Amino acid sequence: MTGTADAARDMSATTDSGVRHALRLVHRAASELRRGVPVVLAGPTPLVLLGAEVASPDAVRELGSLTPVPPVLLLAPARAAAILRAPMQHDSEVAAIALPPAILVSGAYQALPDPTVPPRPGTPPLQAAAVPPGADAAFRLAKIAQLLPAVLAAPLSPAAFQVGLAAHDLVVVPAADVLAYPAQEAAGLRLVTSADVPLTDAPDSRVVAFRADGSAIEHLAIVIGRPEHLPDDAPAPLVRIHSECFTGDLLGSMRCDCGPQLRGAISRIAQDGAGVVLYLGQEGRGIGLVNKLRAYRLQDRGLDTMDANRVLGWGADERSFMIGGTMLRMMGIKRVRLLTNNPDKIAGLTACGIEVVGREAHRIAPNGVNDDYLATKAARFGHMLD
């Protein structure tokens, strides 16, 4: 483990302190947003934000004490179009809806972003609103918090900005740091600890834990054998990037192929002699477990996995495979044979400086329940399942 620890220390020493500070601010802001507490997004026009699905009427009143301007609801254009029953004309990834006072008082705004729940009876007609500057960063912060991508946002005047901060002790996060988060998260990754964990199919195994500064999200490397000590003339170690899947990995869900892929990868790497399974904390292609369950409900209504994510306001795949590349470099592994069907994983590792010398297919047979899921991965995500 000495080589791994030395490589990790070298990377940690070169990580810019400004990146660490930015990461901690973004994580604090995301945590506050999840708690239903107002957050200030600093930019040319500061915005005060609340996560729509968790904001109580009391929190909305607190927001109202900071600015006389009523908040608008920021959400994905597809969801806004469904709520307004009209197409949205704009160039941004974010749309805005004006909220009548009755909705703000009653808390009915909480249900509006969620297509899996019916709207509250008596909801008044709604209209589109102007999208405020900084809306893209506000939207991104909700995603980092793994809430539904929907935010109540109102502008702050310079005077209200100063007074509000002093009176309410709010977290202030620069919009630029929120938008730079994916790259900064990888740059701020650090190795926390490791321990030997013999596995049924791979007795010579250890688990290495990583965490980004200020984050509760943890990424793990299941290291089988000693891939970091292979001689230069040996074949590159076999590596699998696997995103956590509570339902598939732990419960044995038949809706996906994640559990069989994970166990199959561990067994195959053990047979190969040495390699790594990167177990990334990016549930549901990066949307989180709760939102994945929402997506399942939409799939039960006839949507495929890609469209279900988009209807919820997420991208088709929100994961960052730069995290995996950074983990490998911190463990001293620079060349790999990648066990994958997903070309995006190859591109992600390559962008992080890992040499992918070859791809090995990792196909799992359909089980009668996940047939359409696998077909969608091939047809719409470009997975190489042939």
Protein backbone atom coordinates (compact mmCIF):
# COMPACT_ATOMS: atom_id res chain seq x y z
CA MET A 1 0.00 0.00 0.00
CA THR A 2 3.05 2.24 0.28
CA GLY A 3 3.03 3.22 -3.39
CA THR A 4 -0.67 4.07 -3.22
CA ALA A 5 -0.23 6.24 -0.12
CA ASP A 6 2.80 8.05 -1.59
CA ALA A 7 0.95 8.78 -4.84
CA ALA A 8 -2.04 10.06 -2.88
CA ARG A 9 0.15 12.37 -0.79
CA ASP A 10 1.85 13.73 -3.91
CA MET A 11 -1.52 14.58 -5.47
CA SER A 12 -2.85 16.05 -2.23
CA ALA A 13 0.18 18.32 -1.94
CA THR A 14 -0.45 19.73 -5.41
CA THR A 15 -4.19 20.28 -4.91
CA ASP A 16 -4.82 24.02 -4.87
CA SER A 17 -6.13 25.35 -1.55
CA GLY A 18 -8.58 27.50 -3.50
CA VAL A 19 -10.13 24.35 -4.96
CA ARG A 20 -10.55 22.90 -1.48
CA HIS A 21 -12.22 26.08 -0.25
CA ALA A 22 -14.54 26.18 -3.28
CA LEU A 23 -15.51 22.53 -2.80
CA ARG A 24 -16.33 23.03 0.85
CA LEU A 25 -18.51 26.05 0.06
CA VAL A 26 -20.40 24.17 -2.65
CA HIS A 27 -20.95 21.17 -0.39
CA ARG A 28 -22.13 23.41 2.47
CA ALA A 29 -24.54 25.19 0.14
CA ALA A 30 -25.87 21.90 -1.23
CA SER A 31 -26.37 20.60 2.31
CA GLU A 32 -28.26 23.75 3.32
CA LEU A 33 -30.42 23.49 0.21
CA ARG A 34 -31.33 19.88 1.15
CA ARG A 35 -32.28 21.07 4.64
CA GLY A 36 -34.73 23.60 3.22
CA VAL A 37 -32.60 26.56 4.30
CA PRO A 38 -32.08 29.63 2.06
CA VAL A 39 -28.74 29.84 0.26
CA VAL A 40 -27.25 32.89 -1.47
CA LEU A 41 -25.75 32.40 -4.92
CA ALA A 42 -23.19 35.16 -5.49
CA GLY A 43 -22.81 36.62 -8.98
CA PRO A 44 -23.44 39.84 -10.90
CA THR A 45 -27.01 39.64 -9.59
CA PRO A 46 -27.06 37.66 -6.31
CA LEU A 47 -29.91 35.19 -5.93
CA VAL A 48 -31.42 33.77 -2.78
CA LEU A 49 -32.41 30.13 -3.32
CA LEU A 50 -34.58 27.41 -1.80
CA GLY A 51 -34.88 23.80 -2.94
CA ALA A 52 -38.48 23.64 -4.12
CA GLU A 53 -39.31 20.12 -2.92
CA VAL A 54 -38.02 20.70 0.63
CA ALA A 55 -38.85 24.40 1.19
CA SER A 56 -41.48 24.97 3.89
CA PRO A 57 -43.81 27.99 3.84
CA ASP A 58 -41.77 29.30 6.81
CA ALA A 59 -38.62 29.14 4.70
CA VAL A 60 -40.41 30.99 1.91
CA ARG A 61 -41.36 33.70 4.40
CA GLU A 62 -37.72 33.94 5.45
CA LEU A 63 -36.78 34.32 1.80
CA GLY A 64 -39.42 37.05 1.51
CA SER A 65 -37.81 38.95 4.39
CA LEU A 66 -34.61 39.16 2.35
CA THR A 67 -36.13 40.60 -0.82
CA PRO A 68 -39.47 42.14 -1.81
CA VAL A 69 -39.27 40.40 -5.21
CA PRO A 70 -41.43 37.24 -5.27
CA PRO A 71 -39.44 34.11 -6.12
CA VAL A 72 -39.85 32.28 -9.39
CA LEU A 73 -39.68 28.53 -9.78
CA LEU A 74 -36.67 27.41 -11.82
CA LEU A 75 -36.94 24.00 -13.38
CA ALA A 76 -36.18 22.03 -16.51
CA PRO A 77 -37.84 23.25 -19.71
CA ALA A 78 -39.55 19.89 -20.27
CA ARG A 79 -41.14 20.00 -16.84
CA ALA A 80 -42.13 23.65 -17.23
CA ALA A 81 -43.77 22.86 -20.56
CA ALA A 82 -45.77 20.04 -18.94
CA ILE A 83 -46.94 22.27 -16.09
CA LEU A 84 -47.87 25.18 -18.36
CA ARG A 85 -49.13 22.90 -21.14
CA ALA A 86 -47.26 25.05 -23.60
CA PRO A 87 -43.85 24.89 -25.30
CA MET A 88 -41.06 26.91 -23.70
CA GLN A 89 -39.12 29.27 -25.96
CA HIS A 90 -35.64 30.01 -24.62
CA ASP A 91 -31.95 29.28 -25.13
CA SER A 92 -31.17 28.18 -21.57
CA GLU A 93 -31.27 24.76 -19.95
CA VAL A 94 -33.51 26.34 -17.30
CA ALA A 95 -37.06 27.68 -17.48
CA ALA A 96 -38.92 29.84 -14.95
CA ILE A 97 -42.51 29.93 -13.75
CA ALA A 98 -44.15 32.78 -11.84
CA LEU A 99 -45.77 31.66 -8.58
CA PRO A 100 -48.97 33.35 -7.35
CA PRO A 101 -49.03 34.29 -3.64
CA ALA A 102 -51.58 31.55 -2.90
CA ILE A 103 -49.12 28.86 -4.04
CA LEU A 104 -46.29 30.35 -1.98
CA VAL A 105 -48.49 30.48 1.15
CA SER A 106 -49.89 26.96 0.77
CA GLY A 107 -46.64 25.21 -0.16
CA ALA A 108 -48.18 23.83 -3.36
CA TYR A 109 -44.93 24.65 -5.17
CA GLN A 110 -43.39 21.53 -3.56
CA ALA A 111 -45.39 19.17 -5.77
CA LEU A 112 -45.05 21.10 -9.03
CA PRO A 113 -41.58 19.79 -10.02
CA ASP A 114 -42.43 16.12 -9.38
CA PRO A 115 -44.17 14.43 -12.32
CA THR A 116 -44.82 11.31 -10.22
CA VAL A 117 -47.36 13.07 -7.98
CA PRO A 118 -50.65 14.70 -9.03
CA PRO A 119 -50.95 18.50 -8.71
CA ARG A 120 -52.81 19.78 -5.71
CA PRO A 121 -56.50 20.52 -6.32
CA GLY A 122 -57.30 24.17 -6.86
CA THR A 123 -53.87 25.15 -8.14
CA PRO A 124 -54.38 28.44 -10.03
CA PRO A 125 -53.21 28.85 -13.63
CA LEU A 126 -49.49 29.51 -13.96
CA GLN A 127 -47.44 31.57 -16.38
CA ALA A 128 -43.86 31.57 -17.61
CA ALA A 129 -41.48 34.13 -16.12
CA ALA A 130 -38.16 35.63 -17.12
CA VAL A 131 -35.18 33.44 -16.27
CA PRO A 132 -32.90 35.40 -13.89
CA PRO A 133 -29.13 35.60 -14.42
CA GLY A 134 -27.40 32.80 -12.55
CA ALA A 135 -30.26 30.36 -13.02
CA ASP A 136 -27.96 27.74 -14.56
CA ALA A 137 -25.81 27.70 -11.41
CA ALA A 138 -28.89 27.55 -9.17
CA PHE A 139 -30.16 24.58 -11.17
CA ARG A 140 -26.75 22.89 -10.93
CA LEU A 141 -26.65 23.36 -7.14
CA ALA A 142 -29.97 21.52 -6.77
CA LYS A 143 -28.50 18.66 -8.78
CA ILE A 144 -25.39 18.54 -6.60
CA ALA A 145 -27.75 18.31 -3.61
CA GLN A 146 -29.54 15.44 -5.43
CA LEU A 147 -32.88 17.14 -5.03
CA LEU A 148 -35.32 17.41 -7.88
CA PRO A 149 -33.79 20.05 -10.20
CA ALA A 150 -36.22 22.75 -9.12
CA VAL A 151 -35.37 25.90 -7.18
CA LEU A 152 -37.22 28.90 -5.80
CA ALA A 153 -35.08 31.92 -6.68
CA ALA A 154 -35.33 35.66 -6.11
CA PRO A 155 -32.77 38.43 -6.78
CA LEU A 156 -31.07 40.32 -3.98
CA SER A 157 -30.19 44.00 -4.19
CA PRO A 158 -26.67 44.92 -2.99
CA ALA A 159 -28.14 46.42 0.18
CA ALA A 160 -30.33 43.39 0.86
CA PHE A 161 -27.34 41.17 0.17
CA GLN A 162 -25.30 42.73 2.99
CA VAL A 163 -28.18 43.12 5.45
CA GLY A 164 -29.52 39.66 4.75
CA LEU A 165 -26.21 37.96 5.33
CA ALA A 166 -25.70 39.68 8.65
CA ALA A 167 -29.21 38.96 9.91
CA HIS A 168 -29.71 35.40 8.65
CA ASP A 169 -26.24 33.81 8.69
CA LEU A 170 -26.68 32.32 5.21
CA VAL A 171 -24.15 30.34 3.23
CA VAL A 172 -22.92 32.32 0.23
CA VAL A 173 -21.51 30.36 -2.70
CA PRO A 174 -20.12 31.89 -5.91
CA ALA A 175 -22.02 30.82 -9.04
CA ALA A 176 -18.69 30.21 -10.80
CA ASP A 177 -17.69 27.62 -8.17
CA VAL A 178 -20.96 25.77 -8.59
CA LEU A 179 -20.53 25.60 -12.37
CA ALA A 180 -16.91 24.44 -11.98
CA TYR A 181 -17.86 21.74 -9.50
CA PRO A 182 -17.44 18.58 -11.65
CA ALA A 183 -13.79 19.29 -12.40
CA GLN A 184 -13.11 20.61 -8.90
CA GLU A 185 -14.64 17.52 -7.29
CA ALA A 186 -12.13 15.31 -9.09
CA ALA A 187 -9.27 17.67 -8.27
CA GLY A 188 -10.23 17.75 -4.58
CA LEU A 189 -10.46 13.99 -4.15
CA ARG A 190 -8.35 12.52 -1.36
CA LEU A 191 -7.57 9.01 -0.16
CA VAL A 192 -9.01 8.51 3.33
CA THR A 193 -8.13 4.96 4.36
CA SER A 194 -7.84 1.35 3.20
CA ALA A 195 -8.31 -2.09 4.72
CA ASP A 196 -7.97 -5.72 3.68
CA VAL A 197 -11.43 -7.13 2.92
CA PRO A 198 -11.24 -10.73 1.65
CA LEU A 199 -14.14 -11.45 -0.71
CA THR A 200 -15.76 -14.77 -1.50
CA ASP A 201 -14.67 -14.66 -5.14
CA ALA A 202 -11.49 -12.66 -4.51
CA PRO A 203 -9.79 -13.48 -1.16
CA ASP A 204 -6.78 -11.22 -1.85
CA SER A 205 -8.71 -7.95 -1.82
CA ARG A 206 -8.70 -4.62 -0.06
CA VAL A 207 -11.02 -1.63 -0.13
CA VAL A 208 -9.62 1.88 -0.52
CA ALA A 209 -11.90 4.80 0.44
CA PHE A 210 -11.85 8.25 -1.21
CA ARG A 211 -13.74 11.43 -0.41
CA ALA A 212 -13.82 14.92 -1.91
CA ASP A 213 -13.11 17.78 0.50
CA GLY A 214 -16.21 18.73 2.46
CA SER A 215 -18.39 16.01 0.92
CA ALA A 216 -20.25 13.13 2.55
CA ILE A 217 -20.14 11.20 -0.74
CA GLU A 218 -17.57 8.41 -0.70
CA HIS A 219 -16.05 6.52 -3.61
CA LEU A 220 -14.42 3.12 -3.13
CA ALA A 221 -11.82 1.09 -4.96
CA ILE A 222 -12.01 -2.70 -4.59
CA VAL A 223 -8.38 -3.63 -5.25
CA ILE A 224 -7.78 -7.27 -6.12
CA GLY A 225 -4.19 -8.51 -5.97
CA ARG A 226 -1.46 -5.88 -6.38
CA PRO A 227 -2.14 -4.10 -9.68
CA GLU A 228 -0.06 -1.07 -8.67
CA HIS A 229 3.07 -3.26 -8.45
CA LEU A 230 2.82 -4.96 -11.84
CA PRO A 231 6.06 -4.70 -13.87
CA ASP A 232 6.10 -2.35 -16.83
CA ASP A 233 6.21 -5.24 -19.31
CA ALA A 234 3.16 -6.98 -17.77
CA PRO A 235 -0.31 -6.60 -19.31
CA ALA A 236 -2.22 -3.60 -18.00
CA PRO A 237 -4.48 -4.49 -15.06
CA LEU A 238 -8.16 -5.15 -15.66
CA VAL A 239 -10.36 -2.33 -14.32
CA ARG A 240 -14.11 -1.99 -14.00
CA ILE A 241 -15.91 1.33 -13.29
CA HIS A 242 -19.12 0.55 -11.42
CA SER A 243 -21.60 3.14 -10.13
CA GLU A 244 -23.30 2.18 -6.89
CA CYS A 245 -26.78 0.70 -7.23
CA PHE A 246 -28.57 0.04 -3.95
CA THR A 247 -31.45 -1.78 -5.59
CA GLY A 248 -29.32 -3.94 -7.88
CA ASP A 249 -26.14 -4.48 -5.86
CA LEU A 250 -27.72 -4.99 -2.44
CA LEU A 251 -31.32 -6.05 -3.04
CA GLY A 252 -30.82 -8.05 -6.21
CA SER A 253 -33.25 -5.97 -8.30
CA MET A 254 -34.07 -7.47 -11.68
CA ARG A 255 -34.80 -4.06 -13.24
CA CYS A 256 -31.11 -3.56 -14.07
CA ASP A 257 -27.97 -5.64 -14.59
CA CYS A 258 -25.87 -3.91 -11.92
CA GLY A 259 -25.66 -6.69 -9.34
CA PRO A 260 -24.53 -9.38 -11.80
CA GLN A 261 -22.11 -6.90 -13.39
CA LEU A 262 -20.50 -6.10 -10.02
CA ARG A 263 -20.12 -9.70 -8.88
CA GLY A 264 -19.05 -10.81 -12.35
CA ALA A 265 -16.37 -8.11 -12.49
CA ILE A 266 -14.92 -9.10 -9.11
CA SER A 267 -14.75 -12.76 -10.13
CA ARG A 268 -13.26 -12.03 -13.53
CA ILE A 269 -10.56 -9.70 -12.18
CA ALA A 270 -9.64 -12.28 -9.53
CA GLN A 271 -9.20 -14.87 -12.26
CA ASP A 272 -7.03 -12.38 -14.16
CA GLY A 273 -4.77 -12.03 -11.12
CA ALA A 274 -4.88 -8.30 -10.36
CA GLY A 275 -7.11 -5.32 -11.01
CA VAL A 276 -9.59 -2.84 -9.60
CA VAL A 277 -13.32 -2.30 -9.38
CA LEU A 278 -13.98 1.42 -8.91
CA TYR A 279 -17.22 1.66 -6.93
CA LEU A 280 -18.40 5.24 -7.47
CA GLY A 281 -20.99 7.01 -5.33
CA GLN A 282 -23.09 7.98 -8.35
CA GLU A 283 -26.40 6.17 -7.83
CA GLY A 284 -28.88 6.18 -10.70
CA ARG A 285 -26.39 7.57 -13.26
CA GLY A 286 -25.69 10.40 -10.84
CA ILE A 287 -29.26 11.43 -9.90
CA GLY A 288 -29.38 9.70 -6.50
CA LEU A 289 -31.49 6.87 -5.10
CA VAL A 290 -34.67 8.84 -4.41
CA ASN A 291 -34.73 10.32 -7.90
CA LYS A 292 -33.96 6.89 -9.38
CA LEU A 293 -37.07 5.53 -7.64
CA ARG A 294 -39.04 8.42 -9.13
CA ALA A 295 -37.64 7.49 -12.53
CA TYR A 296 -38.77 3.89 -11.99
CA ARG A 297 -42.32 5.12 -11.46
CA LEU A 298 -42.16 6.99 -14.75
CA GLN A 299 -40.76 3.89 -16.45
CA ASP A 300 -43.74 1.95 -15.14
CA ARG A 301 -45.88 4.43 -17.08
CA GLY A 302 -44.09 3.62 -20.33
CA LEU A 303 -40.99 5.84 -20.46
CA ASP A 304 -37.55 4.36 -20.99
CA THR A 305 -34.69 5.05 -18.59
CA MET A 306 -33.34 7.99 -20.62
CA ASP A 307 -36.66 9.79 -21.02
CA ALA A 308 -37.62 9.19 -17.38
CA ASN A 309 -34.49 10.99 -16.22
CA ARG A 310 -35.15 13.86 -18.60
CA VAL A 311 -38.77 14.26 -17.51
CA LEU A 312 -37.50 14.64 -13.95
CA GLY A 313 -35.21 17.44 -15.14
CA TRP A 314 -31.95 15.49 -15.21
CA GLY A 315 -29.63 14.73 -18.08
CA ALA A 316 -29.56 11.24 -19.53
CA ASP A 317 -26.34 10.52 -17.60
CA GLU A 318 -25.06 12.88 -14.89
CA ARG A 319 -21.97 10.89 -13.87
CA SER A 320 -18.38 12.09 -13.94
CA PHE A 321 -15.91 9.37 -14.88
CA MET A 322 -13.06 11.79 -14.14
CA ILE A 323 -13.56 10.69 -10.53
CA GLY A 324 -12.55 7.15 -11.50
CA GLY A 325 -9.51 8.33 -13.42
CA THR A 326 -8.36 10.42 -10.48
CA MET A 327 -8.72 7.45 -8.11
CA LEU A 328 -6.57 5.28 -10.37
CA ARG A 329 -3.85 7.91 -10.65
CA MET A 330 -3.84 8.33 -6.87
CA MET A 331 -3.22 4.59 -6.56
CA GLY A 332 -0.36 4.70 -9.04
CA ILE A 333 -2.25 2.98 -11.87
CA LYS A 334 -1.79 4.73 -15.23
CA ARG A 335 -2.52 1.97 -17.79
CA VAL A 336 -5.64 -0.23 -17.79
CA ARG A 337 -7.65 -2.71 -19.74
CA LEU A 338 -11.20 -1.51 -19.22
CA LEU A 339 -13.99 -3.99 -18.54
CA THR A 340 -16.93 -2.08 -20.00
CA ASN A 341 -19.58 -1.78 -22.69
CA ASN A 342 -19.85 2.01 -22.26
CA PRO A 343 -17.70 4.20 -24.56
CA ASP A 344 -18.21 7.21 -22.23
CA LYS A 345 -16.16 5.45 -19.55
CA ILE A 346 -13.26 5.04 -21.96
CA ALA A 347 -13.45 8.74 -22.87
CA GLY A 348 -13.70 9.75 -19.20
CA LEU A 349 -10.61 7.83 -18.15
CA THR A 350 -8.65 9.01 -21.17
CA ALA A 351 -9.53 12.65 -20.39
CA CYS A 352 -8.08 12.14 -16.90
CA GLY A 353 -4.74 10.90 -18.22
CA ILE A 354 -5.30 7.15 -17.92
CA GLU A 355 -4.11 5.10 -20.88
CA VAL A 356 -6.83 2.63 -21.89
CA VAL A 357 -4.86 0.01 -23.80
CA GLY A 358 -7.88 -2.17 -24.51
CA ARG A 359 -11.57 -2.78 -23.86
CA GLU A 360 -13.03 -6.06 -22.72
CA ALA A 361 -16.74 -6.64 -23.04
CA HIS A 362 -18.81 -7.13 -19.90
CA ARG A 363 -22.18 -8.35 -21.07
CA ILE A 364 -24.92 -9.77 -18.85
CA ALA A 365 -27.80 -11.76 -20.36
CA PRO A 366 -31.31 -10.27 -20.05
CA ASN A 367 -33.44 -11.79 -17.29
CA GLY A 368 -36.93 -11.25 -18.71
CA VAL A 369 -37.50 -8.10 -16.62
CA ASN A 370 -34.62 -5.89 -17.75
CA ASP A 371 -34.79 -6.69 -21.47
CA ASP A 372 -36.09 -3.23 -22.44
CA TYR A 373 -33.59 -1.58 -20.09
CA LEU A 374 -30.68 -3.31 -21.81
CA ALA A 375 -32.11 -2.54 -25.25
CA THR A 376 -32.30 1.15 -24.31
CA LYS A 377 -28.67 1.12 -23.15
CA ALA A 378 -27.64 -0.17 -26.57
CA ALA A 379 -29.97 1.91 -28.74
CA ARG A 380 -29.92 5.27 -26.93
CA PHE A 381 -26.80 5.29 -24.72
CA GLY A 382 -24.51 3.67 -27.30
CA HIS A 383 -23.46 0.74 -25.12
CA MET A 384 -21.67 -1.97 -27.07
CA LEU A 385 -23.82 -5.00 -26.29
CA ASP A 386 -23.54 -6.85 -29.61
